[in-house]
Amino acid sequence: MTPSTLARQCRGVKTPVESGYGPELDETDEMDDDNKASNYQSLIGIVHWVVKLGSIDIAVEVSIMAQFNCIPRTGHLRSLANLRIFMWLKGHIKSNLVMDCCKRTMDQFDFPEYSWTCYYLGSVEAIPDDMPCPLGESVQITVFADASFVADMVTQKSVTGILSIFMSGLPIMWLLKRQATLETSTFGSEQVSGCSTCPCQDG
């Protein structure tokens, strides 16, 4: 295959994993060959580190396929070994994470005003008495979170996706994980996703 043919093929890949593919529904044979299983695990390890290095556009697909890292099936290996995720990355090689320290303005969003005092009676902010006075400019923390309702058709569990946590415009963290609870509505899964963005949340 010539480089130009490979480039055209990579640009033709629209999604990192084949659309409609549900690996949890795969009923092909489990791998009993250690070499094939280790090959799958090696590929998962590679794309996992690519996500860690900043390619958050494949985080969902990597998280889903990594669930079968222990006992992959032949169908999982075929789906991953066709290098579709790698072809996606090749076709989007110019994508970048923008490091912009400018603060974001949310004026374009219409946030309705609510009073939550009736739900949290007597609550006060826990501020230490000996907290030093803040110096310098204030820091803005922005979080974009979402949820994929019933992403796993077997367990019926949803997936929390935190696109990124920005510290004054600088992306510092991104997260994607399956929710521990079984939610029966889109609202419930979105609520769990929103609670996951709170750093003081237990667990």
Foldseek 3Di string as FASTA:
>chain_A
DDPVVLLVVLLPQPALFDPPDAQLPDPAAWDPDPVLLVVLLVLLVVVVVVVVVPPVRCVVVSQRLVVCSVTHHPVSSVRPVVVSNVSPCSNPVVDDQDQDLAADDPVVDDDDDDDCCVVVPPDDDDDDPPDDDDDDDDKDKDWDKAKAQQSHVPVRWIKIWTSAIDISRGGDDTDIDTDPDRDDDRVVRRVVNVVVVDPVDDD
